[in-house]
Amino acid sequence: MDSTIWLWVGFNVFVLGMLALDLGVFHRNAHEVSVKEATIWSVVWISLAMVFTGIIFVSWNQMMPASSYTNSEAGLAFLTGYLIEKSLSVDNIFVFVLIFGYFAVPKEYQHRVLFWGIIGALLMRGVMIGAGSVLIKEFHWIIWIFGAFLIFTGVRMAFSKDEKLEPEKNPVVRLFRRIMKVTENYEGDKFFVIRNGVRFATPLFLVLIMIETTDLIFAVDSIPAIFAVTQDPFIVYTSNVFAILGLRSLYFVLAGVVHKFHYLKLGLAFVLSFVGIKMLLPDVSLAVTGISYKIPTEISLGVVLLILAIAVLASFIRARRLGDQGHEDGIVVVD
């Protein structure tokens, strides 16, 4: 068997092993995840991603001998892709907070929902990445669509207002309610129960549906974004997986303070627009000047880091100012 196949198999076995350890050992019993526990897990996932980055920097050409990347180019591509996917995944947390609040999900059941939501997200993104890799390889003009879509999404995100969460209007939820009966109340951490020989879904499963459909919507933005950095399917896939694996723990760390990141969405809008421009620039510059110019990965990494740092710093300054004053423009701030 080709060595690259073993690499794919080995990575997925590692991921499945970590997920089994997470659910089967550390979260076997439903409980409220503390900020301390979530922080430890966040450090673990980020550390694993950094270790994997180091392995790529050192051994990429040995792992992927047919690749056109050097070790350093592959390492920078993975790190940039991971940072973009990680920052975009934070936007999911805003929605997760709204979903759990709307359905009044007990805190001890939230981890179970997010765990299975992550499993679904990994499967969906694997399919989308595979399809995207094939399309770009066979039809180069797809890059134009991806790039334009990212720029459009970035502009729309920058000027859009927060929308009210209305799960009852979600077409997937509405369709599911027509197919299967749903209990009125939660039944512990169960997704399904049987009453008088009839299978019922619980509200917890509706929450899982909302989480999955939300991730699918966000994936439509994030998958093209990573293809702007690299079109190597292994780097695209692994950077996505590491970003998603840490999303659960990151939610429990940030859920209580995510509302303070006022300018993060604007920062993400600039990131999406930038990677869209990066994707289109080689073809546009070739058509205009006859020379194809590509933004180096290390510059892309620096730009993304700078945008996110400015957005987070500005958010903290705003939160501190509002905390000191207690109001802004006549509006009382209550945390």
Protein backbone atom coordinates (compact mmCIF):
# COMPACT_ATOMS: atom_id res chain seq x y z
CA MET A 1 0.00 0.00 0.00
CA ASP A 2 1.22 3.51 -0.84
CA SER A 3 2.84 5.30 2.11
CA THR A 4 0.50 8.29 1.71
CA ILE A 5 -2.49 5.98 2.18
CA TRP A 6 -1.01 4.80 5.46
CA LEU A 7 -0.57 8.44 6.45
CA TRP A 8 -4.28 9.12 5.85
CA VAL A 9 -5.27 5.96 7.70
CA GLY A 10 -2.92 6.67 10.61
CA PHE A 11 -4.19 10.23 11.07
CA ASN A 12 -7.84 9.14 11.08
CA VAL A 13 -7.09 6.32 13.53
CA PHE A 14 -5.43 8.89 15.80
CA VAL A 15 -8.49 11.17 15.59
CA LEU A 16 -10.90 8.32 16.33
CA GLY A 17 -8.73 7.21 19.25
CA MET A 18 -8.74 10.71 20.77
CA LEU A 19 -12.51 11.00 20.34
CA ALA A 20 -13.03 7.58 21.95
CA LEU A 21 -10.79 8.63 24.85
CA ASP A 22 -12.72 11.88 25.20
CA LEU A 23 -16.21 10.35 25.27
CA GLY A 24 -15.47 6.91 26.70
CA VAL A 25 -13.13 7.90 29.52
CA PHE A 26 -13.22 11.59 30.40
CA HIS A 27 -16.88 12.27 29.59
CA ARG A 28 -18.50 8.89 30.10
CA ASN A 29 -21.00 10.39 32.54
CA ALA A 30 -22.93 13.57 31.70
CA HIS A 31 -21.69 16.49 33.76
CA GLU A 32 -21.29 20.23 33.55
CA VAL A 33 -17.94 21.03 31.98
CA SER A 34 -16.06 23.56 34.09
CA VAL A 35 -13.97 26.35 32.62
CA LYS A 36 -10.87 24.74 34.15
CA GLU A 37 -11.57 21.38 32.51
CA ALA A 38 -12.37 23.03 29.18
CA THR A 39 -9.20 25.12 29.35
CA ILE A 40 -7.08 22.00 29.94
CA TRP A 41 -8.67 20.28 26.94
CA SER A 42 -8.21 23.40 24.81
CA VAL A 43 -4.51 23.43 25.68
CA VAL A 44 -4.31 19.72 24.83
CA TRP A 45 -5.91 20.15 21.38
CA ILE A 46 -3.88 23.26 20.52
CA SER A 47 -0.67 21.55 21.71
CA LEU A 48 -1.42 18.52 19.53
CA ALA A 49 -1.95 20.82 16.56
CA MET A 50 1.37 22.54 17.23
CA VAL A 51 3.15 19.18 17.56
CA PHE A 52 1.63 18.15 14.24
CA THR A 53 2.84 21.44 12.75
CA GLY A 54 6.35 20.62 13.93
CA ILE A 55 6.16 17.15 12.39
CA ILE A 56 5.20 18.70 9.04
CA PHE A 57 8.04 21.24 9.26
CA VAL A 58 10.53 18.43 9.85
CA SER A 59 9.17 15.46 7.89
CA TRP A 60 6.79 16.64 5.16
CA ASN A 61 8.97 15.55 2.22
CA GLN A 62 9.44 12.14 3.82
CA MET A 63 5.69 11.77 4.41
CA MET A 64 4.64 13.16 1.03
CA PRO A 65 7.58 12.63 -1.38
CA ALA A 66 5.46 13.52 -4.42
CA SER A 67 4.45 16.93 -3.01
CA SER A 68 5.75 20.12 -4.60
CA TYR A 69 5.98 21.77 -1.16
CA THR A 70 9.18 22.02 0.84
CA ASN A 71 8.99 21.19 4.53
CA SER A 72 8.76 24.84 5.54
CA GLU A 73 6.15 25.67 2.87
CA ALA A 74 3.95 22.79 4.00
CA GLY A 75 4.36 23.73 7.66
CA LEU A 76 3.43 27.35 7.03
CA ALA A 77 0.46 26.30 4.90
CA PHE A 78 -0.84 24.03 7.67
CA LEU A 79 -0.31 26.68 10.36
CA THR A 80 -2.04 29.38 8.30
CA GLY A 81 -4.92 27.08 7.41
CA TYR A 82 -5.30 26.00 11.03
CA LEU A 83 -5.35 29.61 12.24
CA ILE A 84 -7.98 30.61 9.65
CA GLU A 85 -10.19 27.61 10.42
CA LYS A 86 -9.76 28.08 14.17
CA SER A 87 -10.72 31.75 14.02
CA LEU A 88 -13.70 31.06 11.78
CA SER A 89 -14.83 28.28 14.13
CA VAL A 90 -15.06 30.84 16.94
CA ASP A 91 -17.94 32.37 14.99
CA ASN A 92 -19.76 29.05 15.49
CA ILE A 93 -19.58 29.60 19.24
CA PHE A 94 -21.75 32.72 18.99
CA VAL A 95 -24.47 30.60 17.38
CA PHE A 96 -23.99 27.66 19.78
CA VAL A 97 -24.62 30.02 22.71
CA LEU A 98 -27.86 31.18 21.09
CA ILE A 99 -29.00 27.63 20.28
CA PHE A 100 -28.33 26.27 23.78
CA GLY A 101 -30.00 29.32 25.30
CA TYR A 102 -33.06 29.12 23.06
CA PHE A 103 -33.64 25.43 23.83
CA ALA A 104 -32.62 25.87 27.50
CA VAL A 105 -30.23 22.92 27.24
CA PRO A 106 -28.96 21.87 30.69
CA LYS A 107 -25.22 22.47 30.94
CA GLU A 108 -24.48 18.82 31.77
CA TYR A 109 -25.90 17.74 28.37
CA GLN A 110 -24.17 20.33 26.19
CA HIS A 111 -20.93 18.38 25.81
CA ARG A 112 -22.78 15.33 24.46
CA VAL A 113 -24.51 17.44 21.81
CA LEU A 114 -21.27 19.12 20.78
CA PHE A 115 -19.41 15.80 20.69
CA TRP A 116 -21.81 14.21 18.19
CA GLY A 117 -22.05 17.53 16.39
CA ILE A 118 -18.29 17.42 15.89
CA ILE A 119 -18.50 13.86 14.54
CA GLY A 120 -21.06 14.99 11.96
CA ALA A 121 -18.98 18.06 11.13
CA LEU A 122 -15.89 15.92 10.49
CA LEU A 123 -17.82 13.67 8.11
CA MET A 124 -19.43 16.57 6.25
CA ARG A 125 -16.20 18.49 5.88
CA GLY A 126 -14.33 15.39 4.74
CA VAL A 127 -16.82 14.99 1.91
CA MET A 128 -16.74 18.71 1.05
CA ILE A 129 -12.93 18.84 1.05
CA GLY A 130 -12.74 15.77 -1.17
CA ALA A 131 -15.24 17.26 -3.59
CA GLY A 132 -13.50 20.64 -3.56
CA SER A 133 -10.10 19.10 -4.28
CA VAL A 134 -11.46 17.21 -7.27
CA LEU A 135 -13.32 20.24 -8.64
CA ILE A 136 -10.30 22.56 -8.39
CA LYS A 137 -8.06 19.96 -10.01
CA GLU A 138 -10.44 19.33 -12.90
CA PHE A 139 -11.95 22.81 -13.30
CA HIS A 140 -9.54 25.65 -12.54
CA TRP A 141 -12.28 28.26 -12.99
CA ILE A 142 -13.84 27.03 -9.72
CA ILE A 143 -11.15 29.13 -8.01
CA TRP A 144 -12.83 32.25 -9.39
CA ILE A 145 -16.14 31.20 -7.87
CA PHE A 146 -14.56 30.38 -4.52
CA GLY A 147 -12.60 33.64 -4.40
CA ALA A 148 -15.56 35.83 -5.39
CA PHE A 149 -17.77 34.02 -2.89
CA LEU A 150 -15.29 34.63 -0.06
CA ILE A 151 -15.06 38.34 -0.84
CA PHE A 152 -18.85 38.59 -1.07
CA THR A 153 -19.26 36.71 2.22
CA GLY A 154 -16.70 38.94 3.93
CA VAL A 155 -18.45 42.13 2.79
CA ARG A 156 -21.84 40.73 3.80
CA MET A 157 -20.52 39.71 7.23
CA ALA A 158 -19.01 43.16 7.78
CA PHE A 159 -22.31 44.95 7.20
CA SER A 160 -24.79 42.36 8.49
CA LYS A 161 -26.61 42.81 11.76
CA ASP A 162 -27.11 40.08 14.33
CA GLU A 163 -30.07 37.98 13.28
CA LYS A 164 -32.59 36.53 15.71
CA LEU A 165 -32.39 32.77 16.13
CA GLU A 166 -35.63 31.10 14.99
CA PRO A 167 -35.23 27.29 15.06
CA GLU A 168 -38.91 26.77 14.27
CA LYS A 169 -38.22 28.24 10.82
CA ASN A 170 -35.25 25.94 10.16
CA PRO A 171 -36.38 23.75 7.21
CA VAL A 172 -34.47 20.70 8.47
CA VAL A 173 -36.07 20.95 11.93
CA ARG A 174 -39.52 21.48 10.43
CA LEU A 175 -39.10 18.47 8.15
CA PHE A 176 -37.90 16.30 11.02
CA ARG A 177 -40.91 17.24 13.16
CA ARG A 178 -43.15 16.00 10.37
CA ILE A 179 -41.30 12.68 10.18
CA MET A 180 -40.92 11.91 13.89
CA LYS A 181 -42.68 12.86 17.10
CA VAL A 182 -40.71 14.86 19.64
CA THR A 183 -41.09 14.71 23.41
CA GLU A 184 -42.03 17.85 25.29
CA ASN A 185 -39.17 17.62 27.78
CA TYR A 186 -35.59 16.41 27.91
CA GLU A 187 -35.07 12.74 28.75
CA GLY A 188 -31.69 12.96 30.41
CA ASP A 189 -28.92 13.00 27.79
CA LYS A 190 -30.85 10.72 25.42
CA PHE A 191 -31.53 11.67 21.81
CA PHE A 192 -34.34 9.10 21.43
CA VAL A 193 -36.75 7.30 23.76
CA ILE A 194 -39.39 4.62 23.24
CA ARG A 195 -42.84 5.04 24.73
CA ASN A 196 -45.53 2.39 24.30
CA GLY A 197 -43.56 0.88 21.46
CA VAL A 198 -43.25 4.22 19.63
CA ARG A 199 -39.88 5.90 19.11
CA PHE A 200 -39.74 9.60 20.01
CA ALA A 201 -36.94 12.06 19.46
CA THR A 202 -36.11 14.37 22.34
CA PRO A 203 -35.52 18.13 22.15
CA LEU A 204 -31.82 17.32 22.57
CA PHE A 205 -31.83 15.74 19.11
CA LEU A 206 -33.42 18.89 17.67
CA VAL A 207 -30.54 20.83 19.19
CA LEU A 208 -28.11 18.44 17.51
CA ILE A 209 -29.86 19.04 14.16
CA MET A 210 -29.47 22.79 14.65
CA ILE A 211 -25.78 22.39 15.51
CA GLU A 212 -25.17 20.26 12.40
CA THR A 213 -27.00 22.58 10.00
CA THR A 214 -25.19 25.57 11.50
CA ASP A 215 -21.81 23.91 10.93
CA LEU A 216 -22.78 23.03 7.37
CA ILE A 217 -23.55 26.70 6.70
CA PHE A 218 -20.25 27.81 8.21
CA ALA A 219 -18.37 25.12 6.28
CA VAL A 220 -19.53 26.70 3.03
CA ASP A 221 -17.41 29.73 4.02
CA SER A 222 -14.48 28.01 5.70
CA ILE A 223 -13.73 25.28 3.14
CA PRO A 224 -13.11 27.75 0.26
CA ALA A 225 -11.04 29.84 2.69
CA ILE A 226 -8.57 27.04 3.34
CA PHE A 227 -8.29 26.30 -0.38
CA ALA A 228 -7.05 29.89 -0.79
CA VAL A 229 -4.06 28.95 1.36
CA THR A 230 -3.29 25.51 -0.05
CA GLN A 231 -4.88 22.98 -2.37
CA ASP A 232 -3.08 20.01 -0.87
CA PRO A 233 -5.95 17.79 0.36
CA PHE A 234 -4.03 16.38 3.34
CA ILE A 235 -3.12 19.82 4.68
CA VAL A 236 -6.65 21.11 4.06
CA TYR A 237 -8.19 18.11 5.82
CA THR A 238 -5.86 17.93 8.81
CA SER A 239 -5.98 21.68 9.53
CA ASN A 240 -9.80 21.51 9.45
CA VAL A 241 -9.88 18.47 11.71
CA PHE A 242 -7.59 19.98 14.35
CA ALA A 243 -9.60 23.22 14.34
CA ILE A 244 -12.89 21.34 14.76
CA LEU A 245 -11.60 18.95 17.42
CA GLY A 246 -10.81 21.85 19.72
CA LEU A 247 -14.13 23.59 19.13
CA ARG A 248 -15.99 21.77 21.92
CA SER A 249 -13.59 22.72 24.68
CA LEU A 250 -13.19 26.23 23.27
CA TYR A 251 -16.97 26.69 23.52
CA PHE A 252 -16.96 26.00 27.26
CA VAL A 253 -14.02 28.38 27.72
CA LEU A 254 -15.53 31.27 25.77
CA ALA A 255 -19.31 30.77 26.15
CA GLY A 256 -19.53 33.15 29.09
CA VAL A 257 -17.42 35.92 27.55
CA VAL A 258 -17.97 35.52 23.81
CA HIS A 259 -20.35 38.50 23.82
CA LYS A 260 -17.37 40.70 24.68
CA PHE A 261 -15.66 39.98 21.34
CA HIS A 262 -17.63 42.76 19.68
CA TYR A 263 -15.25 43.29 16.75
CA LEU A 264 -14.38 39.64 16.09
CA LYS A 265 -17.04 39.24 13.41
CA LEU A 266 -15.66 42.33 11.62
CA GLY A 267 -12.17 40.86 11.87
CA LEU A 268 -13.37 37.56 10.40
CA ALA A 269 -15.01 39.51 7.59
CA PHE A 270 -11.62 41.04 6.71
CA VAL A 271 -9.97 37.61 6.92
CA LEU A 272 -12.48 36.10 4.49
CA SER A 273 -12.11 39.02 2.08
CA PHE A 274 -8.32 38.81 2.27
CA VAL A 275 -8.18 35.08 1.52
CA GLY A 276 -10.64 35.62 -1.33
CA ILE A 277 -8.30 38.24 -2.82
CA LYS A 278 -5.36 35.88 -2.26
CA MET A 279 -7.18 33.17 -4.19
CA LEU A 280 -8.00 35.43 -7.16
CA LEU A 281 -4.76 37.42 -7.32
CA PRO A 282 -2.60 34.95 -9.34
CA ASP A 283 -5.09 34.72 -12.21
CA VAL A 284 -6.01 38.42 -12.12
CA SER A 285 -2.37 39.57 -12.10
CA LEU A 286 -1.56 37.14 -14.93
CA ALA A 287 -4.43 38.49 -17.05
CA VAL A 288 -3.54 42.14 -16.39
CA THR A 289 0.26 42.16 -16.35
CA GLY A 290 1.22 38.81 -17.84
CA ILE A 291 2.89 37.87 -14.55
CA SER A 292 1.18 35.64 -12.00
CA TYR A 293 1.73 37.05 -8.51
CA LYS A 294 0.99 34.89 -5.49
CA ILE A 295 0.94 36.20 -1.92
CA PRO A 296 3.52 34.14 0.01
CA THR A 297 2.10 31.95 2.75
CA GLU A 298 4.22 33.58 5.45
CA ILE A 299 2.76 36.99 4.53
CA SER A 300 -0.75 35.51 4.59
CA LEU A 301 -0.08 34.11 8.05
CA GLY A 302 1.15 37.50 9.26
CA VAL A 303 -1.83 39.36 7.81
CA VAL A 304 -4.35 36.95 9.35
CA LEU A 305 -2.61 37.15 12.75
CA LEU A 306 -2.56 40.96 12.57
CA ILE A 307 -6.25 41.22 11.66
CA LEU A 308 -7.32 38.89 14.46
CA ALA A 309 -5.03 40.58 17.01
CA ILE A 310 -6.47 44.01 16.17
CA ALA A 311 -10.06 42.68 16.36
CA VAL A 312 -9.49 41.01 19.75
CA LEU A 313 -7.57 43.98 21.19
CA ALA A 314 -10.22 46.45 20.03
CA SER A 315 -12.91 44.22 21.56
CA PHE A 316 -11.12 44.12 24.92
CA ILE A 317 -10.65 47.90 24.90
CA ARG A 318 -14.34 48.38 24.14
CA ALA A 319 -15.42 45.89 26.82
CA ARG A 320 -13.18 47.54 29.41
CA ARG A 321 -14.42 51.02 28.51
CA LEU A 322 -18.03 49.92 28.78
CA GLY A 323 -17.25 48.15 32.04
CA ASP A 324 -15.71 51.32 33.48
CA GLN A 325 -18.44 53.67 32.27
CA GLY A 326 -21.36 51.24 32.64
CA HIS A 327 -23.00 52.74 29.60
CA GLU A 328 -22.43 53.96 26.10
CA ASP A 329 -24.51 56.44 24.17
CA GLY A 330 -27.10 56.45 26.91
CA ILE A 331 -27.53 52.69 26.91
CA VAL A 332 -26.94 50.94 30.22
CA VAL A 333 -24.76 47.87 29.88
CA VAL A 334 -25.77 44.89 32.01
CA ASP A 335 -23.60 41.74 31.97
